[in-house]
Amino acid sequence: EAALHQKNQILVKLYNRRAVDADAIFDYFMSYADRLKPMV
């Protein structure tokens, strides 16, 4: 959420792109969590 606070401003206002949804990014990372943990 902290990272996207600034980045969404850049994507939307500077580059005319859609804002990125924080929940979608969170779900993206957590979808790999179980498989990643044994490697860390």
PDB file of all heavy atoms in Angstrom:
ATOM      1  N   GLU A   1       0.829  -1.206   0.000  1.00  0.00           N
ATOM      2  CA  GLU A   1       0.000   0.000   0.000  1.00  0.00           C
ATOM      3  C   GLU A   1       0.866   1.260   0.000  1.00  0.00           C
ATOM      4  O   GLU A   1       0.561   2.238  -0.696  1.00  0.00           O
ATOM      5  CB  GLU A   1      -0.940  -0.019   1.207  1.00  0.00           C
ATOM      6  CG  GLU A   1      -2.053  -1.057   1.082  1.00  0.00           C
ATOM      7  CD  GLU A   1      -2.899  -1.182   2.337  1.00  0.00           C
ATOM      8  OE1 GLU A   1      -2.508  -0.579   3.388  1.00  0.00           O
ATOM      9  OE2 GLU A   1      -3.929  -1.900   2.298  1.00  0.00           O
ATOM     10  N   ALA A   2       1.952   1.240   0.769  1.00  0.00           N
ATOM     11  CA  ALA A   2       2.848   2.404   0.823  1.00  0.00           C
ATOM     12  C   ALA A   2       3.515   2.641  -0.527  1.00  0.00           C
ATOM     13  O   ALA A   2       3.637   3.781  -0.985  1.00  0.00           O
ATOM     14  CB  ALA A   2       3.900   2.193   1.904  1.00  0.00           C
ATOM     15  N   ALA A   3       3.953   1.555  -1.174  1.00  0.00           N
ATOM     16  CA  ALA A   3       4.608   1.689  -2.475  1.00  0.00           C
ATOM     17  C   ALA A   3       3.644   2.213  -3.530  1.00  0.00           C
ATOM     18  O   ALA A   3       4.000   3.060  -4.354  1.00  0.00           O
ATOM     19  CB  ALA A   3       5.193   0.343  -2.903  1.00  0.00           C
ATOM     20  N   LEU A   4       2.409   1.712  -3.517  1.00  0.00           N
ATOM     21  CA  LEU A   4       1.438   2.090  -4.543  1.00  0.00           C
ATOM     22  C   LEU A   4       0.895   3.494  -4.351  1.00  0.00           C
ATOM     23  O   LEU A   4       0.383   4.092  -5.307  1.00  0.00           O
ATOM     24  CB  LEU A   4       0.288   1.085  -4.583  1.00  0.00           C
ATOM     25  CG  LEU A   4       0.624  -0.270  -5.215  1.00  0.00           C
ATOM     26  CD1 LEU A   4      -0.563  -1.216  -5.112  1.00  0.00           C
ATOM     27  CD2 LEU A   4       1.030  -0.084  -6.668  1.00  0.00           C
ATOM     28  N   HIS A   5       1.006   4.026  -3.150  1.00  0.00           N
ATOM     29  CA  HIS A   5       0.535   5.391  -2.926  1.00  0.00           C
ATOM     30  C   HIS A   5       1.204   6.361  -3.891  1.00  0.00           C
ATOM     31  O   HIS A   5       0.555   7.236  -4.465  1.00  0.00           O
ATOM     32  CB  HIS A   5       0.806   5.804  -1.481  1.00  0.00           C
ATOM     33  CG  HIS A   5       0.324   7.190  -1.150  1.00  0.00           C
ATOM     34  ND1 HIS A   5      -1.011   7.523  -1.050  1.00  0.00           N
ATOM     35  CD2 HIS A   5       1.023   8.356  -0.958  1.00  0.00           C
ATOM     36  CE1 HIS A   5      -1.127   8.818  -0.792  1.00  0.00           C
ATOM     37  NE2 HIS A   5       0.097   9.339  -0.724  1.00  0.00           N
ATOM     38  N   GLN A   6       2.503   6.188  -4.100  1.00  0.00           N
ATOM     39  CA  GLN A   6       3.232   7.047  -5.033  1.00  0.00           C
ATOM     40  C   GLN A   6       3.138   6.532  -6.471  1.00  0.00           C
ATOM     41  O   GLN A   6       2.915   7.293  -7.406  1.00  0.00           O
ATOM     42  CB  GLN A   6       4.695   7.144  -4.617  1.00  0.00           C
ATOM     43  CG  GLN A   6       5.526   8.037  -5.563  1.00  0.00           C
ATOM     44  CD  GLN A   6       7.004   7.788  -5.449  1.00  0.00           C
ATOM     45  OE1 GLN A   6       7.434   6.637  -5.426  1.00  0.00           O
ATOM     46  NE2 GLN A   6       7.776   8.854  -5.367  1.00  0.00           N
ATOM     47  N   LYS A   7       3.286   5.222  -6.635  1.00  0.00           N
ATOM     48  CA  LYS A   7       3.365   4.661  -7.985  1.00  0.00           C
ATOM     49  C   LYS A   7       2.069   4.827  -8.765  1.00  0.00           C
ATOM     50  O   LYS A   7       2.087   5.032  -9.986  1.00  0.00           O
ATOM     51  CB  LYS A   7       3.788   3.203  -7.899  1.00  0.00           C
ATOM     52  CG  LYS A   7       5.269   3.047  -7.538  1.00  0.00           C
ATOM     53  CD  LYS A   7       5.691   1.657  -7.405  1.00  0.00           C
ATOM     54  CE  LYS A   7       7.195   1.576  -7.200  1.00  0.00           C
ATOM     55  NZ  LYS A   7       7.673   2.412  -6.088  1.00  0.00           N
ATOM     56  N   ASN A   8       0.948   4.735  -8.097  1.00  0.00           N
ATOM     57  CA  ASN A   8      -0.316   4.939  -8.800  1.00  0.00           C
ATOM     58  C   ASN A   8      -0.465   6.376  -9.277  1.00  0.00           C
ATOM     59  O   ASN A   8      -1.073   6.619 -10.325  1.00  0.00           O
ATOM     60  CB  ASN A   8      -1.490   4.535  -7.907  1.00  0.00           C
ATOM     61  CG  ASN A   8      -1.786   3.043  -7.999  1.00  0.00           C
ATOM     62  OD1 ASN A   8      -1.463   2.402  -8.998  1.00  0.00           O
ATOM     63  ND2 ASN A   8      -2.411   2.498  -6.967  1.00  0.00           N
ATOM     64  N   GLN A   9       0.078   7.307  -8.511  1.00  0.00           N
ATOM     65  CA  GLN A   9       0.070   8.698  -8.960  1.00  0.00           C
ATOM     66  C   GLN A   9       0.844   8.847 -10.273  1.00  0.00           C
ATOM     67  O   GLN A   9       0.416   9.528 -11.199  1.00  0.00           O
ATOM     68  CB  GLN A   9       0.709   9.599  -7.885  1.00  0.00           C
ATOM     69  CG  GLN A   9      -0.008   9.629  -6.545  1.00  0.00           C
ATOM     70  CD  GLN A   9      -1.316  10.375  -6.592  1.00  0.00           C
ATOM     71  OE1 GLN A   9      -1.475  11.365  -7.306  1.00  0.00           O
ATOM     72  NE2 GLN A   9      -2.303   9.882  -5.876  1.00  0.00           N
ATOM     73  N   ILE A  10       1.999   8.172 -10.335  1.00  0.00           N
ATOM     74  CA  ILE A  10       2.836   8.239 -11.535  1.00  0.00           C
ATOM     75  C   ILE A  10       2.150   7.564 -12.720  1.00  0.00           C
ATOM     76  O   ILE A  10       2.080   8.114 -13.819  1.00  0.00           O
ATOM     77  CB  ILE A  10       4.206   7.595 -11.259  1.00  0.00           C
ATOM     78  CG1 ILE A  10       4.962   8.401 -10.200  1.00  0.00           C
ATOM     79  CG2 ILE A  10       5.023   7.477 -12.539  1.00  0.00           C
ATOM     80  CD1 ILE A  10       6.223   7.720  -9.691  1.00  0.00           C
ATOM     81  N   LEU A  11       1.620   6.357 -12.485  1.00  0.00           N
ATOM     82  CA  LEU A  11       0.990   5.606 -13.571  1.00  0.00           C
ATOM     83  C   LEU A  11      -0.236   6.323 -14.130  1.00  0.00           C
ATOM     84  O   LEU A  11      -0.433   6.390 -15.347  1.00  0.00           O
ATOM     85  CB  LEU A  11       0.599   4.211 -13.079  1.00  0.00           C
ATOM     86  CG  LEU A  11       1.735   3.198 -12.922  1.00  0.00           C
ATOM     87  CD1 LEU A  11       1.272   1.978 -12.130  1.00  0.00           C
ATOM     88  CD2 LEU A  11       2.272   2.771 -14.284  1.00  0.00           C
ATOM     89  N   VAL A  12      -1.062   6.871 -13.247  1.00  0.00           N
ATOM     90  CA  VAL A  12      -2.323   7.484 -13.677  1.00  0.00           C
ATOM     91  C   VAL A  12      -2.107   8.884 -14.237  1.00  0.00           C
ATOM     92  O   VAL A  12      -2.561   9.210 -15.343  1.00  0.00           O
ATOM     93  CB  VAL A  12      -3.332   7.517 -12.501  1.00  0.00           C
ATOM     94  CG1 VAL A  12      -4.592   8.286 -12.915  1.00  0.00           C
ATOM     95  CG2 VAL A  12      -3.691   6.100 -12.073  1.00  0.00           C
ATOM     96  N   LYS A  13      -1.415   9.725 -13.472  1.00  0.00           N
ATOM     97  CA  LYS A  13      -1.321  11.139 -13.831  1.00  0.00           C
ATOM     98  C   LYS A  13      -0.221  11.453 -14.841  1.00  0.00           C
ATOM     99  O   LYS A  13      -0.339  12.400 -15.615  1.00  0.00           O
ATOM    100  CB  LYS A  13      -1.134  11.976 -12.560  1.00  0.00           C
ATOM    101  CG  LYS A  13      -2.341  11.897 -11.618  1.00  0.00           C
ATOM    102  CD  LYS A  13      -2.155  12.745 -10.380  1.00  0.00           C
ATOM    103  CE  LYS A  13      -3.392  12.669  -9.491  1.00  0.00           C
ATOM    104  NZ  LYS A  13      -3.221  13.460  -8.248  1.00  0.00           N
ATOM    105  N   LEU A  14       0.850  10.675 -14.814  1.00  0.00           N
ATOM    106  CA  LEU A  14       1.956  10.949 -15.733  1.00  0.00           C
ATOM    107  C   LEU A  14       1.856  10.123 -17.009  1.00  0.00           C
ATOM    108  O   LEU A  14       2.051  10.636 -18.114  1.00  0.00           O
ATOM    109  CB  LEU A  14       3.295  10.685 -15.029  1.00  0.00           C
ATOM    110  CG  LEU A  14       4.577  11.011 -15.816  1.00  0.00           C
ATOM    111  CD1 LEU A  14       4.603  12.480 -16.192  1.00  0.00           C
ATOM    112  CD2 LEU A  14       5.815  10.655 -14.981  1.00  0.00           C
ATOM    113  N   TYR A  15       1.528   8.835 -16.853  1.00  0.00           N
ATOM    114  CA  TYR A  15       1.546   7.942 -18.003  1.00  0.00           C
ATOM    115  C   TYR A  15       0.159   7.525 -18.493  1.00  0.00           C
ATOM    116  O   TYR A  15       0.055   6.727 -19.437  1.00  0.00           O
ATOM    117  CB  TYR A  15       2.366   6.691 -17.680  1.00  0.00           C
ATOM    118  CG  TYR A  15       3.835   6.989 -17.445  1.00  0.00           C
ATOM    119  CD1 TYR A  15       4.448   6.671 -16.237  1.00  0.00           C
ATOM    120  CD2 TYR A  15       4.605   7.589 -18.428  1.00  0.00           C
ATOM    121  CE1 TYR A  15       5.785   6.935 -16.024  1.00  0.00           C
ATOM    122  CE2 TYR A  15       5.952   7.858 -18.226  1.00  0.00           C
ATOM    123  CZ  TYR A  15       6.534   7.531 -17.015  1.00  0.00           C
ATOM    124  OH  TYR A  15       7.866   7.795 -16.810  1.00  0.00           O
ATOM    125  N   ASN A  16      -0.878   8.045 -17.855  1.00  0.00           N
ATOM    126  CA  ASN A  16      -2.257   7.767 -18.288  1.00  0.00           C
ATOM    127  C   ASN A  16      -2.563   6.273 -18.306  1.00  0.00           C
ATOM    128  O   ASN A  16      -3.187   5.759 -19.218  1.00  0.00           O
ATOM    129  CB  ASN A  16      -2.522   8.393 -19.668  1.00  0.00           C
ATOM    130  CG  ASN A  16      -4.011   8.493 -19.998  1.00  0.00           C
ATOM    131  OD1 ASN A  16      -4.846   8.641 -19.097  1.00  0.00           O
ATOM    132  ND2 ASN A  16      -4.358   8.396 -21.274  1.00  0.00           N
ATOM    133  N   ARG A  17      -2.107   5.587 -17.268  1.00  0.00           N
ATOM    134  CA  ARG A  17      -2.381   4.161 -17.110  1.00  0.00           C
ATOM    135  C   ARG A  17      -3.323   3.933 -15.935  1.00  0.00           C
ATOM    136  O   ARG A  17      -3.529   4.816 -15.119  1.00  0.00           O
ATOM    137  CB  ARG A  17      -1.068   3.380 -16.891  1.00  0.00           C
ATOM    138  CG  ARG A  17      -0.099   3.406 -18.056  1.00  0.00           C
ATOM    139  CD  ARG A  17      -0.682   2.738 -19.296  1.00  0.00           C
ATOM    140  NE  ARG A  17       0.284   2.589 -20.383  1.00  0.00           N
ATOM    141  CZ  ARG A  17       0.532   3.490 -21.312  1.00  0.00           C
ATOM    142  NH1 ARG A  17      -0.141   4.648 -21.289  1.00  0.00           N
ATOM    143  NH2 ARG A  17       1.426   3.261 -22.263  1.00  0.00           N
ATOM    144  N   ARG A  18      -3.885   2.744 -15.863  1.00  0.00           N
ATOM    145  CA  ARG A  18      -4.789   2.412 -14.763  1.00  0.00           C
ATOM    146  C   ARG A  18      -4.029   2.284 -13.448  1.00  0.00           C
ATOM    147  O   ARG A  18      -2.880   1.841 -13.424  1.00  0.00           O
ATOM    148  CB  ARG A  18      -5.514   1.100 -15.033  1.00  0.00           C
ATOM    149  CG  ARG A  18      -6.550   1.168 -16.120  1.00  0.00           C
ATOM    150  CD  ARG A  18      -7.209  -0.194 -16.266  1.00  0.00           C
ATOM    151  NE  ARG A  18      -8.141  -0.222 -17.375  1.00  0.00           N
ATOM    152  CZ  ARG A  18      -8.612  -1.314 -17.931  1.00  0.00           C
ATOM    153  NH1 ARG A  18      -8.231  -2.479 -17.457  1.00  0.00           N
ATOM    154  NH2 ARG A  18      -9.469  -1.258 -18.947  1.00  0.00           N
ATOM    155  N   ALA A  19      -4.700   2.642 -12.353  1.00  0.00           N
ATOM    156  CA  ALA A  19      -4.119   2.445 -11.029  1.00  0.00           C
ATOM    157  C   ALA A  19      -4.036   0.948 -10.729  1.00  0.00           C
ATOM    158  O   ALA A  19      -4.867   0.154 -11.175  1.00  0.00           O
ATOM    159  CB  ALA A  19      -4.968   3.148  -9.969  1.00  0.00           C
ATOM    160  N   VAL A  20      -3.031   0.564  -9.971  1.00  0.00           N
ATOM    161  CA  VAL A  20      -2.828  -0.837  -9.589  1.00  0.00           C
ATOM    162  C   VAL A  20      -3.543  -1.090  -8.270  1.00  0.00           C
ATOM    163  O   VAL A  20      -3.444  -0.300  -7.322  1.00  0.00           O
ATOM    164  CB  VAL A  20      -1.324  -1.141  -9.453  1.00  0.00           C
ATOM    165  CG1 VAL A  20      -1.110  -2.575  -8.971  1.00  0.00           C
ATOM    166  CG2 VAL A  20      -0.613  -0.909 -10.785  1.00  0.00           C
ATOM    167  N   ASP A  21      -4.276  -2.188  -8.203  1.00  0.00           N
ATOM    168  CA  ASP A  21      -5.025  -2.538  -7.013  1.00  0.00           C
ATOM    169  C   ASP A  21      -4.125  -3.241  -5.997  1.00  0.00           C
ATOM    170  O   ASP A  21      -3.513  -4.267  -6.295  1.00  0.00           O
ATOM    171  CB  ASP A  21      -6.203  -3.443  -7.387  1.00  0.00           C
ATOM    172  CG  ASP A  21      -7.040  -3.835  -6.183  1.00  0.00           C
ATOM    173  OD1 ASP A  21      -7.607  -2.937  -5.536  1.00  0.00           O
ATOM    174  OD2 ASP A  21      -7.101  -5.046  -5.888  1.00  0.00           O
ATOM    175  N   ALA A  22      -4.052  -2.703  -4.781  1.00  0.00           N
ATOM    176  CA  ALA A  22      -3.174  -3.252  -3.751  1.00  0.00           C
ATOM    177  C   ALA A  22      -3.560  -4.679  -3.376  1.00  0.00           C
ATOM    178  O   ALA A  22      -2.701  -5.533  -3.137  1.00  0.00           O
ATOM    179  CB  ALA A  22      -3.190  -2.355  -2.515  1.00  0.00           C
ATOM    180  N   ASP A  23      -4.863  -4.957  -3.311  1.00  0.00           N
ATOM    181  CA  ASP A  23      -5.312  -6.309  -2.961  1.00  0.00           C
ATOM    182  C   ASP A  23      -4.868  -7.335  -3.999  1.00  0.00           C
ATOM    183  O   ASP A  23      -4.481  -8.460  -3.656  1.00  0.00           O
ATOM    184  CB  ASP A  23      -6.843  -6.341  -2.821  1.00  0.00           C
ATOM    185  CG  ASP A  23      -7.339  -5.609  -1.576  1.00  0.00           C
ATOM    186  OD1 ASP A  23      -6.548  -5.463  -0.622  1.00  0.00           O
ATOM    187  OD2 ASP A  23      -8.512  -5.191  -1.568  1.00  0.00           O
ATOM    188  N   ALA A  24      -4.916  -6.935  -5.261  1.00  0.00           N
ATOM    189  CA  ALA A  24      -4.500  -7.840  -6.334  1.00  0.00           C
ATOM    190  C   ALA A  24      -3.012  -8.171  -6.219  1.00  0.00           C
ATOM    191  O   ALA A  24      -2.597  -9.322  -6.442  1.00  0.00           O
ATOM    192  CB  ALA A  24      -4.804  -7.217  -7.694  1.00  0.00           C
ATOM    193  N   ILE A  25      -2.196  -7.166  -5.870  1.00  0.00           N
ATOM    194  CA  ILE A  25      -0.759  -7.393  -5.705  1.00  0.00           C
ATOM    195  C   ILE A  25      -0.501  -8.298  -4.498  1.00  0.00           C
ATOM    196  O   ILE A  25       0.315  -9.221  -4.549  1.00  0.00           O
ATOM    197  CB  ILE A  25      -0.009  -6.055  -5.552  1.00  0.00           C
ATOM    198  CG1 ILE A  25      -0.199  -5.193  -6.807  1.00  0.00           C
ATOM    199  CG2 ILE A  25       1.470  -6.302  -5.280  1.00  0.00           C
ATOM    200  CD1 ILE A  25       0.360  -5.778  -8.082  1.00  0.00           C
ATOM    201  N   PHE A  26      -1.211  -8.044  -3.407  1.00  0.00           N
ATOM    202  CA  PHE A  26      -1.073  -8.877  -2.217  1.00  0.00           C
ATOM    203  C   PHE A  26      -1.416 -10.334  -2.531  1.00  0.00           C
ATOM    204  O   PHE A  26      -0.681 -11.258  -2.169  1.00  0.00           O
ATOM    205  CB  PHE A  26      -1.974  -8.345  -1.100  1.00  0.00           C
ATOM    206  CG  PHE A  26      -1.969  -9.188   0.143  1.00  0.00           C
ATOM    207  CD1 PHE A  26      -0.958  -9.070   1.076  1.00  0.00           C
ATOM    208  CD2 PHE A  26      -2.988 -10.113   0.380  1.00  0.00           C
ATOM    209  CE1 PHE A  26      -0.951  -9.865   2.227  1.00  0.00           C
ATOM    210  CE2 PHE A  26      -2.992 -10.903   1.523  1.00  0.00           C
ATOM    211  CZ  PHE A  26      -1.965 -10.771   2.443  1.00  0.00           C
ATOM    212  N   ASP A  27      -2.529 -10.538  -3.213  1.00  0.00           N
ATOM    213  CA  ASP A  27      -2.948 -11.902  -3.578  1.00  0.00           C
ATOM    214  C   ASP A  27      -1.938 -12.566  -4.502  1.00  0.00           C
ATOM    215  O   ASP A  27      -1.702 -13.775  -4.415  1.00  0.00           O
ATOM    216  CB  ASP A  27      -4.325 -11.861  -4.244  1.00  0.00           C
ATOM    217  CG  ASP A  27      -5.443 -11.465  -3.278  1.00  0.00           C
ATOM    218  OD1 ASP A  27      -5.228 -11.540  -2.042  1.00  0.00           O
ATOM    219  OD2 ASP A  27      -6.535 -11.057  -3.764  1.00  0.00           O
ATOM    220  N   TYR A  28      -1.340 -11.765  -5.398  1.00  0.00           N
ATOM    221  CA  TYR A  28      -0.320 -12.286  -6.320  1.00  0.00           C
ATOM    222  C   TYR A  28       0.837 -12.894  -5.523  1.00  0.00           C
ATOM    223  O   TYR A  28       1.252 -14.034  -5.780  1.00  0.00           O
ATOM    224  CB  TYR A  28       0.177 -11.163  -7.225  1.00  0.00           C
ATOM    225  CG  TYR A  28       1.460 -11.480  -7.974  1.00  0.00           C
ATOM    226  CD1 TYR A  28       1.441 -12.195  -9.164  1.00  0.00           C
ATOM    227  CD2 TYR A  28       2.702 -11.047  -7.484  1.00  0.00           C
ATOM    228  CE1 TYR A  28       2.616 -12.482  -9.852  1.00  0.00           C
ATOM    229  CE2 TYR A  28       3.881 -11.320  -8.159  1.00  0.00           C
ATOM    230  CZ  TYR A  28       3.827 -12.043  -9.337  1.00  0.00           C
ATOM    231  OH  TYR A  28       4.996 -12.332 -10.007  1.00  0.00           O
ATOM    232  N   PHE A  29       1.362 -12.151  -4.564  1.00  0.00           N
ATOM    233  CA  PHE A  29       2.497 -12.650  -3.795  1.00  0.00           C
ATOM    234  C   PHE A  29       2.108 -13.831  -2.905  1.00  0.00           C
ATOM    235  O   PHE A  29       2.825 -14.826  -2.819  1.00  0.00           O
ATOM    236  CB  PHE A  29       3.103 -11.535  -2.945  1.00  0.00           C
ATOM    237  CG  PHE A  29       3.969 -10.587  -3.731  1.00  0.00           C
ATOM    238  CD1 PHE A  29       3.626  -9.252  -3.871  1.00  0.00           C
ATOM    239  CD2 PHE A  29       5.126 -11.030  -4.350  1.00  0.00           C
ATOM    240  CE1 PHE A  29       4.414  -8.391  -4.609  1.00  0.00           C
ATOM    241  CE2 PHE A  29       5.928 -10.172  -5.090  1.00  0.00           C
ATOM    242  CZ  PHE A  29       5.565  -8.853  -5.212  1.00  0.00           C
ATOM    243  N   MET A  30       0.967 -13.744  -2.255  1.00  0.00           N
ATOM    244  CA  MET A  30       0.577 -14.814  -1.341  1.00  0.00           C
ATOM    245  C   MET A  30       0.264 -16.114  -2.065  1.00  0.00           C
ATOM    246  O   MET A  30       0.343 -17.191  -1.481  1.00  0.00           O
ATOM    247  CB  MET A  30      -0.621 -14.375  -0.490  1.00  0.00           C
ATOM    248  CG  MET A  30      -0.315 -13.237   0.484  1.00  0.00           C
ATOM    249  SD  MET A  30       1.169 -13.508   1.500  1.00  0.00           S
ATOM    250  CE  MET A  30       0.727 -14.999   2.375  1.00  0.00           C
ATOM    251  N   SER A  31      -0.055 -16.030  -3.354  1.00  0.00           N
ATOM    252  CA  SER A  31      -0.328 -17.249  -4.118  1.00  0.00           C
ATOM    253  C   SER A  31       0.915 -18.126  -4.252  1.00  0.00           C
ATOM    254  O   SER A  31       0.816 -19.321  -4.547  1.00  0.00           O
ATOM    255  CB  SER A  31      -0.884 -16.901  -5.506  1.00  0.00           C
ATOM    256  OG  SER A  31       0.120 -16.314  -6.332  1.00  0.00           O
ATOM    257  N   TYR A  32       2.091 -17.537  -4.049  1.00  0.00           N
ATOM    258  CA  TYR A  32       3.343 -18.284  -4.149  1.00  0.00           C
ATOM    259  C   TYR A  32       3.935 -18.615  -2.779  1.00  0.00           C
ATOM    260  O   TYR A  32       4.952 -19.302  -2.690  1.00  0.00           O
ATOM    261  CB  TYR A  32       4.375 -17.479  -4.946  1.00  0.00           C
ATOM    262  CG  TYR A  32       3.984 -17.216  -6.378  1.00  0.00           C
ATOM    263  CD1 TYR A  32       3.563 -15.956  -6.774  1.00  0.00           C
ATOM    264  CD2 TYR A  32       4.031 -18.232  -7.320  1.00  0.00           C
ATOM    265  CE1 TYR A  32       3.199 -15.708  -8.089  1.00  0.00           C
ATOM    266  CE2 TYR A  32       3.672 -17.999  -8.640  1.00  0.00           C
ATOM    267  CZ  TYR A  32       3.257 -16.732  -9.013  1.00  0.00           C
ATOM    268  OH  TYR A  32       2.890 -16.488 -10.322  1.00  0.00           O
ATOM    269  N   ALA A  33       3.318 -18.129  -1.705  1.00  0.00           N
ATOM    270  CA  ALA A  33       3.927 -18.192  -0.380  1.00  0.00           C
ATOM    271  C   ALA A  33       4.236 -19.621   0.065  1.00  0.00           C
ATOM    272  O   ALA A  33       5.343 -19.925   0.521  1.00  0.00           O
ATOM    273  CB  ALA A  33       3.029 -17.505   0.650  1.00  0.00           C
ATOM    274  N   ASP A  34       3.273 -20.511  -0.036  1.00  0.00           N
ATOM    275  CA  ASP A  34       3.458 -21.874   0.459  1.00  0.00           C
ATOM    276  C   ASP A  34       4.580 -22.597  -0.273  1.00  0.00           C
ATOM    277  O   ASP A  34       5.340 -23.363   0.328  1.00  0.00           O
ATOM    278  CB  ASP A  34       2.153 -22.665   0.333  1.00  0.00           C
ATOM    279  CG  ASP A  34       1.093 -22.189   1.317  1.00  0.00           C
ATOM    280  OD1 ASP A  34       1.444 -21.503   2.305  1.00  0.00           O
ATOM    281  OD2 ASP A  34      -0.105 -22.483   1.092  1.00  0.00           O
ATOM    282  N   ARG A  35       4.671 -22.367  -1.558  1.00  0.00           N
ATOM    283  CA  ARG A  35       5.706 -23.035  -2.336  1.00  0.00           C
ATOM    284  C   ARG A  35       7.082 -22.413  -2.090  1.00  0.00           C
ATOM    285  O   ARG A  35       8.101 -23.094  -2.135  1.00  0.00           O
ATOM    286  CB  ARG A  35       5.362 -22.970  -3.825  1.00  0.00           C
ATOM    287  CG  ARG A  35       6.185 -23.911  -4.678  1.00  0.00           C
ATOM    288  CD  ARG A  35       5.712 -23.936  -6.122  1.00  0.00           C
ATOM    289  NE  ARG A  35       6.559 -24.825  -6.916  1.00  0.00           N
ATOM    290  CZ  ARG A  35       6.504 -24.932  -8.231  1.00  0.00           C
ATOM    291  NH1 ARG A  35       5.588 -24.227  -8.914  1.00  0.00           N
ATOM    292  NH2 ARG A  35       7.322 -25.757  -8.872  1.00  0.00           N
ATOM    293  N   LEU A  36       7.112 -21.117  -1.798  1.00  0.00           N
ATOM    294  CA  LEU A  36       8.372 -20.406  -1.614  1.00  0.00           C
ATOM    295  C   LEU A  36       9.004 -20.668  -0.246  1.00  0.00           C
ATOM    296  O   LEU A  36      10.233 -20.803  -0.134  1.00  0.00           O
ATOM    297  CB  LEU A  36       8.142 -18.901  -1.789  1.00  0.00           C
ATOM    298  CG  LEU A  36       9.358 -17.972  -1.635  1.00  0.00           C
ATOM    299  CD1 LEU A  36      10.375 -18.234  -2.749  1.00  0.00           C
ATOM    300  CD2 LEU A  36       8.920 -16.502  -1.661  1.00  0.00           C
ATOM    301  N   LYS A  37       8.179 -20.750   0.799  1.00  0.00           N
ATOM    302  CA  LYS A  37       8.690 -20.781   2.177  1.00  0.00           C
ATOM    303  C   LYS A  37       9.753 -21.849   2.434  1.00  0.00           C
ATOM    304  O   LYS A  37      10.772 -21.576   3.080  1.00  0.00           O
ATOM    305  CB  LYS A  37       7.526 -20.945   3.155  1.00  0.00           C
ATOM    306  CG  LYS A  37       6.739 -19.648   3.375  1.00  0.00           C
ATOM    307  CD  LYS A  37       5.569 -19.851   4.319  1.00  0.00           C
ATOM    308  CE  LYS A  37       4.795 -18.547   4.495  1.00  0.00           C
ATOM    309  NZ  LYS A  37       3.609 -18.704   5.367  1.00  0.00           N
ATOM    310  N   PRO A  38       9.603 -23.086   1.954  1.00  0.00           N
ATOM    311  CA  PRO A  38      10.639 -24.097   2.239  1.00  0.00           C
ATOM    312  C   PRO A  38      12.003 -23.783   1.625  1.00  0.00           C
ATOM    313  O   PRO A  38      13.018 -24.354   2.038  1.00  0.00           O
ATOM    314  CB  PRO A  38      10.053 -25.376   1.623  1.00  0.00           C
ATOM    315  CG  PRO A  38       8.591 -25.113   1.462  1.00  0.00           C
ATOM    316  CD  PRO A  38       8.462 -23.658   1.211  1.00  0.00           C
ATOM    317  N   MET A  39      12.039 -22.893   0.637  1.00  0.00           N
ATOM    318  CA  MET A  39      13.291 -22.570  -0.048  1.00  0.00           C
ATOM    319  C   MET A  39      14.085 -21.470   0.653  1.00  0.00           C
ATOM    320  O   MET A  39      15.272 -21.307   0.396  1.00  0.00           O
ATOM    321  CB  MET A  39      13.009 -22.082  -1.480  1.00  0.00           C
ATOM    322  CG  MET A  39      12.251 -23.045  -2.356  1.00  0.00           C
ATOM    323  SD  MET A  39      11.973 -22.277  -3.977  1.00  0.00           S
ATOM    324  CE  MET A  39      11.067 -23.581  -4.817  1.00  0.00           C
ATOM    325  N   VAL A  40      13.430 -20.707   1.531  1.00  0.00           N
ATOM    326  CA  VAL A  40      14.011 -19.473   2.046  1.00  0.00           C
ATOM    327  C   VAL A  40      14.993 -19.753   3.178  1.00  0.00           C
ATOM    328  O   VAL A  40      14.689 -20.498   4.120  1.00  0.00           O
ATOM    329  CB  VAL A  40      12.906 -18.504   2.510  1.00  0.00           C
ATOM    330  CG1 VAL A  40      13.522 -17.216   3.049  1.00  0.00           C
ATOM    331  CG2 VAL A  40      11.970 -18.190   1.341  1.00  0.00           C
TER     332      VAL A  40
END
